[in-house]
Amino acid sequence: MAPAPGDQGRALLLAGGGHAHLEVLRRVRDAGRCGDARPAITLVSPERYAWYSGMVPGVLAGDYDPDQARVDLDALCSAAGARRVGAAVAGVDIAHRRVLLDDGDTLAFDLLSLDTGSVPDLAQVPGAAARATPVKPVSELIARCQCAPHAAGSEPSARAVVVVGGGAAGVELALAARDRMRTAGRDTTVTIATDVLLATYGVGVRTRVRRALDAAGVRVALGRVERVTDRGVHLGAGAPLPADLLLWATTASAPRWIAQSGLPTDPRGFVAIDRHLRVVGHPRLFAAGDVATRLDRPAPKSGVYAVRAAPILYANLCAALRGKEPRAVFAPQRVALSLLRTGRGRAVGAYGPLAWSGRCVWWLKDRIDRAFVRRFRVP
């Protein structure tokens, strides 16, 4: 049942500080309301800053200062008339309309939107959880790689860096680590461990990226990662790859609390949504970003699609707050522009079968990334 028409002050709970929720808060900030409604908005996010994923490799490499690649959620919430609760979502009590937090507290809602993202999948490889640094949370990744002046828990003596995962994130992370180590004057080897390199990309992109890896001296060890021990990363029966610093960038998985809460899911455990971004069978619940999958039109887990879903989510949340049926339709693009950082001032672009590289691609990527973060700055 949707909120009563014209009812003001309903509790809108935004669970997660993902890209889609940033846009919802920005539009509320600029309009001073959500459509005709003035809901009481609460954002649940364990960290004060929301990192823009497209710029994280640049931060790791030293291209950007951390503040250039992140949004201050406290400032954005304040400007939008919302509040932030510093906790992580641990579950949803659908029957009583409550979100369970990892600190033991609960938050009631009239309307709930989920944009908590995915989680690194370390559980499938023995030893990974105890020894690897996943790509999320980003603040811990950056601190571990010593990519900020105030970083803690860094590895100044690392002589071997291994990145597990051969997708776009793994490639960018490995090249960024290589750039960072060179700048620091460290004699460090960087290796990507994966069964397939850039499996979802065409030949043109794979060829250009492989050239960039070779030029940077980043090794590629092909094979299935079977376990991680004190000796290193084990691929098959060969000798393990030594890893003083092990970074994990494999395929994302769904948070366990989704299924435990009784929410409908896709086969991989992500929240099942319809074309209006509503959770299937639950008209008071919405979801966007990596945490959600439109069952009849699934899309890759990428920030590009979260950004695309953001205005749809805002429009439909506003409609639901007015007691109206959501009308805006989320149609994930079948072909999306992808820009991969391959070095300082260089990048590779892909759009369907098309691929190109060079400084012009870096210029485009830098322009798009900076513009995205700038939208959420609070004067």
Protein backbone atom coordinates (compact mmCIF):
# COMPACT_ATOMS: atom_id res chain seq x y z
CA MET A 1 0.00 0.00 0.00
CA ALA A 2 1.41 3.38 -1.00
CA PRO A 3 1.51 6.38 1.34
CA ALA A 4 -1.70 8.38 1.49
CA PRO A 5 -2.04 11.14 -1.14
CA GLY A 6 -0.85 14.50 0.08
CA ASP A 7 0.58 13.08 3.31
CA GLN A 8 3.67 15.07 4.29
CA GLY A 9 6.53 14.09 6.56
CA ARG A 10 6.47 10.41 5.68
CA ALA A 11 9.68 8.57 6.55
CA LEU A 12 11.78 7.94 3.45
CA LEU A 13 14.74 5.72 4.27
CA LEU A 14 17.64 5.61 1.82
CA ALA A 15 19.73 2.56 2.70
CA GLY A 16 23.21 2.96 1.27
CA GLY A 17 25.23 5.83 -0.14
CA GLY A 18 25.46 4.60 -3.72
CA HIS A 19 25.41 6.65 -6.91
CA ALA A 20 21.62 6.52 -7.29
CA HIS A 21 20.98 7.83 -3.77
CA LEU A 22 23.45 10.65 -4.31
CA GLU A 23 21.30 11.85 -7.19
CA VAL A 24 18.09 11.52 -5.16
CA LEU A 25 19.60 13.70 -2.43
CA ARG A 26 20.89 16.20 -4.97
CA ARG A 27 17.47 16.61 -6.54
CA VAL A 28 15.80 16.97 -3.17
CA ARG A 29 18.44 19.56 -2.28
CA ASP A 30 17.82 21.56 -5.46
CA ALA A 31 14.03 21.30 -5.36
CA GLY A 32 13.59 21.52 -1.59
CA ARG A 33 11.19 18.58 -1.73
CA CYS A 34 10.48 15.26 -3.44
CA GLY A 35 7.82 16.21 -5.94
CA ASP A 36 4.97 17.68 -3.86
CA ALA A 37 6.01 15.82 -0.72
CA ARG A 38 8.38 16.83 2.05
CA PRO A 39 9.40 13.50 3.51
CA ALA A 40 11.60 13.00 6.54
CA ILE A 41 14.66 11.57 4.81
CA THR A 42 17.26 9.38 6.50
CA LEU A 43 20.36 8.08 4.75
CA VAL A 44 22.02 4.99 6.22
CA SER A 45 25.71 4.79 5.41
CA PRO A 46 28.58 3.59 7.62
CA GLU A 47 31.02 6.09 6.11
CA ARG A 48 30.88 9.84 5.79
CA TYR A 49 32.22 9.84 2.25
CA ALA A 50 30.85 8.24 -0.89
CA TRP A 51 33.65 7.44 -3.31
CA TYR A 52 33.12 7.74 -7.04
CA SER A 53 34.29 4.38 -8.34
CA GLY A 54 35.51 5.77 -11.67
CA MET A 55 38.15 7.90 -9.93
CA VAL A 56 39.38 5.44 -7.30
CA PRO A 57 42.20 4.03 -9.49
CA GLY A 58 43.33 7.61 -10.11
CA VAL A 59 43.43 8.22 -6.36
CA LEU A 60 45.44 5.05 -5.86
CA ALA A 61 47.89 6.12 -8.56
CA GLY A 62 48.22 9.66 -7.21
CA ASP A 63 46.38 11.40 -10.06
CA TYR A 64 43.81 12.85 -7.66
CA ASP A 65 43.65 13.87 -4.04
CA PRO A 66 41.05 11.84 -2.10
CA ASP A 67 38.72 14.83 -1.73
CA GLN A 68 38.51 15.18 -5.51
CA ALA A 69 37.01 11.71 -5.85
CA ARG A 70 34.48 11.57 -3.05
CA VAL A 71 31.25 13.20 -1.90
CA ASP A 72 30.73 14.43 1.66
CA LEU A 73 27.49 12.69 2.60
CA ASP A 74 27.02 14.73 5.77
CA ALA A 75 27.18 17.98 3.81
CA LEU A 76 24.89 16.68 1.06
CA CYS A 77 22.34 15.37 3.56
CA SER A 78 22.36 18.64 5.46
CA ALA A 79 21.77 20.61 2.26
CA ALA A 80 18.88 18.28 1.35
CA GLY A 81 17.27 18.52 4.79
CA ALA A 82 18.12 14.89 5.50
CA ARG A 83 20.15 13.16 8.21
CA ARG A 84 22.77 10.44 7.98
CA VAL A 85 22.91 7.46 10.33
CA GLY A 86 26.44 6.08 10.51
CA ALA A 87 25.78 2.34 10.36
CA ALA A 88 25.53 -0.48 7.86
CA VAL A 89 22.37 -2.31 6.87
CA ALA A 90 22.14 -5.78 8.43
CA GLY A 91 18.64 -6.73 7.31
CA VAL A 92 15.11 -5.61 6.50
CA ASP A 93 12.05 -6.46 8.59
CA ILE A 94 9.46 -6.23 5.86
CA ALA A 95 6.42 -6.99 8.02
CA HIS A 96 7.17 -4.23 10.54
CA ARG A 97 8.74 -1.84 8.05
CA ARG A 98 12.08 -1.58 9.78
CA VAL A 99 15.69 -1.69 8.68
CA LEU A 100 18.06 -3.57 10.97
CA LEU A 101 21.49 -2.01 11.50
CA ASP A 102 24.81 -3.64 12.31
CA ASP A 103 25.00 -1.73 15.60
CA GLY A 104 21.82 -3.43 16.84
CA ASP A 105 19.57 -0.42 16.26
CA THR A 106 16.54 -0.31 13.95
CA LEU A 107 15.00 2.41 11.79
CA ALA A 108 11.34 2.58 10.79
CA PHE A 109 10.26 3.60 7.31
CA ASP A 110 7.17 4.33 5.25
CA LEU A 111 9.14 4.03 2.03
CA LEU A 112 12.48 2.27 1.63
CA SER A 113 15.08 2.46 -1.12
CA LEU A 114 18.09 0.13 -1.25
CA ASP A 115 21.36 1.24 -2.85
CA THR A 116 23.93 -0.51 -0.68
CA GLY A 117 25.98 -1.95 -3.54
CA SER A 118 27.60 -5.36 -3.85
CA VAL A 119 30.29 -6.94 -1.70
CA PRO A 120 33.63 -8.54 -2.67
CA ASP A 121 33.39 -12.32 -2.93
CA LEU A 122 36.23 -13.65 -0.77
CA ALA A 123 34.38 -16.60 0.73
CA GLN A 124 34.84 -18.84 -2.32
CA VAL A 125 38.65 -18.99 -2.03
CA PRO A 126 40.19 -20.49 1.14
CA GLY A 127 42.46 -18.05 2.92
CA ALA A 128 41.34 -14.99 0.97
CA ALA A 129 39.22 -13.42 3.69
CA ALA A 130 42.11 -13.46 6.17
CA ARG A 131 44.86 -12.22 3.84
CA ALA A 132 43.34 -10.11 1.05
CA THR A 133 42.32 -6.45 0.90
CA PRO A 134 39.07 -6.15 -1.08
CA VAL A 135 38.22 -3.18 -3.30
CA LYS A 136 35.46 -2.23 -0.85
CA PRO A 137 35.27 -0.36 1.41
CA VAL A 138 37.32 2.10 -0.64
CA SER A 139 38.65 4.01 2.36
CA GLU A 140 40.35 0.87 3.67
CA LEU A 141 41.71 0.01 0.23
CA ILE A 142 43.28 3.44 -0.14
CA ALA A 143 44.71 3.36 3.35
CA ARG A 144 46.18 -0.08 2.74
CA CYS A 145 47.86 1.06 -0.47
CA GLN A 146 49.22 4.15 1.25
CA CYS A 147 47.63 6.45 -1.30
CA ALA A 148 46.91 9.33 1.05
CA PRO A 149 49.21 11.33 3.32
CA HIS A 150 47.22 10.28 6.39
CA ALA A 151 47.01 6.59 5.39
CA ALA A 152 47.34 3.92 8.05
CA GLY A 153 48.12 0.22 7.81
CA SER A 154 50.18 0.65 4.65
CA GLU A 155 52.77 -1.77 3.31
CA PRO A 156 55.99 0.25 2.81
CA SER A 157 58.07 -2.95 2.52
CA ALA A 158 55.89 -4.62 -0.13
CA ARG A 159 57.98 -6.13 -2.91
CA ALA A 160 55.24 -8.12 -4.60
CA VAL A 161 51.70 -6.91 -5.25
CA VAL A 162 49.10 -9.36 -6.57
CA VAL A 163 45.68 -8.29 -7.82
CA VAL A 164 43.16 -11.11 -8.06
CA GLY A 165 40.55 -10.39 -10.74
CA GLY A 166 40.93 -9.74 -14.45
CA GLY A 167 37.98 -7.45 -15.03
CA ALA A 168 38.12 -3.69 -15.53
CA ALA A 169 38.52 -3.09 -11.79
CA GLY A 170 41.44 -5.51 -11.50
CA VAL A 171 43.25 -4.08 -14.52
CA GLU A 172 42.86 -0.48 -13.37
CA LEU A 173 43.89 -1.39 -9.84
CA ALA A 174 47.04 -3.18 -11.00
CA LEU A 175 48.13 -0.35 -13.27
CA ALA A 176 47.40 2.21 -10.55
CA ALA A 177 49.44 0.23 -8.03
CA ARG A 178 52.31 0.07 -10.51
CA ASP A 179 52.22 3.83 -11.04
CA ARG A 180 52.10 4.45 -7.31
CA MET A 181 55.04 2.18 -6.59
CA ARG A 182 57.13 3.77 -9.33
CA THR A 183 56.45 7.24 -7.96
CA ALA A 184 57.50 6.04 -4.52
CA GLY A 185 60.70 4.62 -6.00
CA ARG A 186 59.93 1.07 -4.94
CA ASP A 187 61.22 -1.98 -6.78
CA THR A 188 57.92 -3.81 -6.75
CA THR A 189 56.40 -6.45 -9.02
CA VAL A 190 52.70 -6.22 -9.82
CA THR A 191 50.81 -9.28 -11.05
CA ILE A 192 47.21 -9.85 -12.10
CA ALA A 193 45.96 -13.34 -11.24
CA THR A 194 42.89 -14.36 -13.22
CA ASP A 195 41.47 -17.13 -15.34
CA VAL A 196 40.42 -14.71 -18.11
CA LEU A 197 41.52 -11.14 -18.79
CA LEU A 198 38.67 -8.68 -19.57
CA ALA A 199 36.21 -11.44 -20.48
CA THR A 200 33.32 -9.05 -21.17
CA TYR A 201 35.28 -6.81 -23.56
CA GLY A 202 36.03 -7.11 -27.25
CA VAL A 203 39.33 -7.91 -28.93
CA GLY A 204 40.16 -4.25 -29.53
CA VAL A 205 40.01 -3.38 -25.84
CA ARG A 206 41.84 -6.51 -24.72
CA THR A 207 44.65 -5.84 -27.20
CA ARG A 208 45.10 -2.23 -26.12
CA VAL A 209 44.98 -3.08 -22.43
CA ARG A 210 47.48 -5.91 -22.84
CA ARG A 211 49.88 -3.48 -24.51
CA ALA A 212 49.46 -1.08 -21.59
CA LEU A 213 50.12 -3.86 -19.08
CA ASP A 214 53.24 -4.97 -20.94
CA ALA A 215 54.53 -1.41 -21.18
CA ALA A 216 53.99 -0.88 -17.46
CA GLY A 217 55.63 -4.16 -16.54
CA VAL A 218 52.47 -5.63 -15.02
CA ARG A 219 52.46 -9.41 -15.29
CA VAL A 220 49.38 -11.51 -16.03
CA ALA A 221 49.21 -14.97 -14.44
CA LEU A 222 46.41 -16.95 -16.07
CA GLY A 223 44.75 -19.62 -14.03
CA ARG A 224 42.07 -20.22 -11.43
CA VAL A 225 42.94 -18.95 -7.97
CA GLU A 226 42.41 -21.95 -5.70
CA ARG A 227 43.64 -20.76 -2.32
CA VAL A 228 45.69 -18.16 -0.49
CA THR A 229 48.32 -19.04 2.09
CA ASP A 230 51.28 -17.41 3.81
CA ARG A 231 53.34 -18.47 0.81
CA GLY A 232 51.16 -16.52 -1.60
CA VAL A 233 48.42 -17.01 -4.18
CA HIS A 234 48.04 -20.56 -5.49
CA LEU A 235 46.94 -21.12 -9.10
CA GLY A 236 46.67 -24.79 -9.91
CA ALA A 237 49.68 -27.00 -9.22
CA GLY A 238 52.37 -24.43 -9.96
CA ALA A 239 54.45 -22.43 -7.52
CA PRO A 240 52.46 -19.81 -5.59
CA LEU A 241 52.69 -16.13 -6.48
CA PRO A 242 54.40 -14.25 -3.62
CA ALA A 243 52.15 -11.47 -2.35
CA ASP A 244 53.26 -8.93 0.23
CA LEU A 245 50.14 -6.98 -0.68
CA LEU A 246 47.10 -8.89 -1.99
CA LEU A 247 44.25 -6.89 -3.54
CA TRP A 248 40.91 -8.56 -4.33
CA ALA A 249 38.87 -7.37 -7.32
CA THR A 250 36.81 -10.38 -8.37
CA THR A 251 33.19 -10.55 -9.42
CA ALA A 252 30.87 -8.86 -6.94
CA SER A 253 28.43 -10.87 -4.86
CA ALA A 254 25.19 -10.04 -3.09
CA PRO A 255 25.09 -9.18 0.62
CA ARG A 256 23.80 -12.14 2.64
CA TRP A 257 21.20 -10.07 4.50
CA ILE A 258 19.13 -9.78 1.32
CA ALA A 259 18.11 -13.43 1.24
CA GLN A 260 18.02 -13.63 5.04
CA SER A 261 15.45 -10.83 5.06
CA GLY A 262 13.13 -12.73 2.76
CA LEU A 263 13.47 -10.27 -0.11
CA PRO A 264 12.91 -11.66 -3.60
CA THR A 265 16.17 -12.25 -5.45
CA ASP A 266 17.66 -13.14 -8.80
CA PRO A 267 19.66 -16.40 -9.12
CA ARG A 268 22.78 -14.66 -7.78
CA GLY A 269 21.09 -13.33 -4.66
CA PHE A 270 20.61 -9.69 -5.66
CA VAL A 271 17.31 -7.91 -4.99
CA ALA A 272 14.77 -8.57 -7.73
CA ILE A 273 13.15 -5.39 -9.08
CA ASP A 274 10.62 -4.54 -11.77
CA ARG A 275 10.92 -1.92 -14.51
CA HIS A 276 9.96 0.85 -12.06
CA LEU A 277 12.78 -0.14 -9.66
CA ARG A 278 10.26 -1.51 -7.17
CA VAL A 279 11.18 -4.65 -5.28
CA VAL A 280 9.04 -7.40 -6.78
CA GLY A 281 5.91 -7.89 -4.69
CA HIS A 282 6.68 -5.00 -2.32
CA PRO A 283 5.34 -1.62 -3.51
CA ARG A 284 6.87 0.26 -0.56
CA LEU A 285 10.37 -0.96 -1.36
CA PHE A 286 12.65 0.23 -4.16
CA ALA A 287 16.21 -0.70 -5.11
CA ALA A 288 18.87 0.52 -7.56
CA GLY A 289 22.54 0.07 -8.34
CA ASP A 290 24.61 -3.08 -7.91
CA VAL A 291 22.38 -4.45 -5.15
CA ALA A 292 19.44 -4.83 -7.56
CA THR A 293 18.61 -6.73 -10.75
CA ARG A 294 15.72 -6.09 -13.12
CA LEU A 295 14.62 -9.66 -13.71
CA ASP A 296 13.39 -9.22 -17.26
CA ARG A 297 16.38 -7.13 -18.32
CA PRO A 298 19.50 -7.77 -16.20
CA ALA A 299 22.50 -5.47 -16.61
CA PRO A 300 26.16 -5.66 -15.57
CA LYS A 301 27.07 -4.55 -12.05
CA SER A 302 28.54 -1.19 -12.97
CA GLY A 303 28.20 2.38 -11.77
CA VAL A 304 27.12 3.40 -15.27
CA TYR A 305 23.77 1.70 -14.74
CA ALA A 306 23.31 3.11 -11.24
CA VAL A 307 23.75 6.61 -12.62
CA ARG A 308 21.24 5.84 -15.36
CA ALA A 309 18.72 4.57 -12.80
CA ALA A 310 19.03 7.58 -10.49
CA PRO A 311 16.49 9.98 -12.07
CA ILE A 312 14.04 7.09 -12.49
CA LEU A 313 14.38 6.25 -8.82
CA TYR A 314 13.83 9.86 -7.79
CA ALA A 315 10.71 10.23 -9.93
CA ASN A 316 9.16 7.01 -8.68
CA LEU A 317 9.96 7.69 -5.03
CA CYS A 318 8.27 11.08 -5.37
CA ALA A 319 5.25 9.43 -6.98
CA ALA A 320 5.01 6.82 -4.23
CA LEU A 321 5.19 9.54 -1.57
CA ARG A 322 2.20 11.22 -3.23
CA GLY A 323 0.27 7.96 -3.24
CA LYS A 324 0.61 7.61 -7.01
CA GLU A 325 1.66 4.61 -9.02
CA PRO A 326 5.26 4.89 -10.30
CA ARG A 327 5.37 5.57 -14.02
CA ALA A 328 9.03 6.18 -14.89
CA VAL A 329 10.67 3.11 -16.44
CA PHE A 330 14.27 2.03 -15.93
CA ALA A 331 15.59 0.64 -19.22
CA PRO A 332 19.27 -0.33 -18.85
CA GLN A 333 21.19 0.60 -21.96
CA ARG A 334 22.25 -2.42 -23.96
CA VAL A 335 25.55 -0.78 -24.91
CA ALA A 336 27.36 1.49 -22.47
CA LEU A 337 30.48 3.62 -22.76
CA SER A 338 33.36 2.21 -20.74
CA LEU A 339 36.57 4.15 -20.02
CA LEU A 340 39.51 2.35 -18.37
CA ARG A 341 42.49 4.15 -16.90
CA THR A 342 45.69 2.55 -18.25
CA GLY A 343 48.29 4.99 -16.96
CA ARG A 344 48.95 8.62 -16.17
CA GLY A 345 47.23 10.63 -18.87
CA ARG A 346 46.13 7.56 -20.82
CA ALA A 347 42.98 5.47 -21.03
CA VAL A 348 41.16 2.96 -23.22
CA GLY A 349 37.58 3.52 -24.34
CA ALA A 350 35.01 0.95 -25.41
CA TYR A 351 31.54 1.24 -26.85
CA GLY A 352 30.17 -2.03 -28.12
CA PRO A 353 32.71 -3.41 -30.64
CA LEU A 354 34.48 -0.03 -30.93
CA ALA A 355 37.72 0.62 -29.07
CA TRP A 356 40.17 3.49 -28.95
CA SER A 357 42.97 4.66 -26.70
CA GLY A 358 45.30 7.53 -25.96
CA ARG A 359 45.41 10.87 -24.20
CA CYS A 360 42.15 12.04 -25.76
CA VAL A 361 40.35 9.17 -24.00
CA TRP A 362 41.95 10.16 -20.69
CA TRP A 363 40.82 13.75 -21.25
CA LEU A 364 37.25 12.56 -21.81
CA LYS A 365 37.31 10.27 -18.79
CA ASP A 366 38.78 12.94 -16.54
CA ARG A 367 36.18 15.48 -17.69
CA ILE A 368 33.25 13.11 -17.11
CA ASP A 369 34.53 11.94 -13.71
CA ARG A 370 35.21 15.42 -12.36
CA ALA A 371 31.81 16.65 -13.56
CA PHE A 372 30.03 13.80 -11.79
CA VAL A 373 31.58 14.53 -8.40
CA ARG A 374 31.13 18.28 -8.84
CA ARG A 375 27.35 17.84 -9.10
CA PHE A 376 27.17 16.85 -5.46
CA ARG A 377 29.44 19.51 -4.00
CA VAL A 378 27.85 21.74 -1.40
CA PRO A 379 29.01 25.38 -1.60
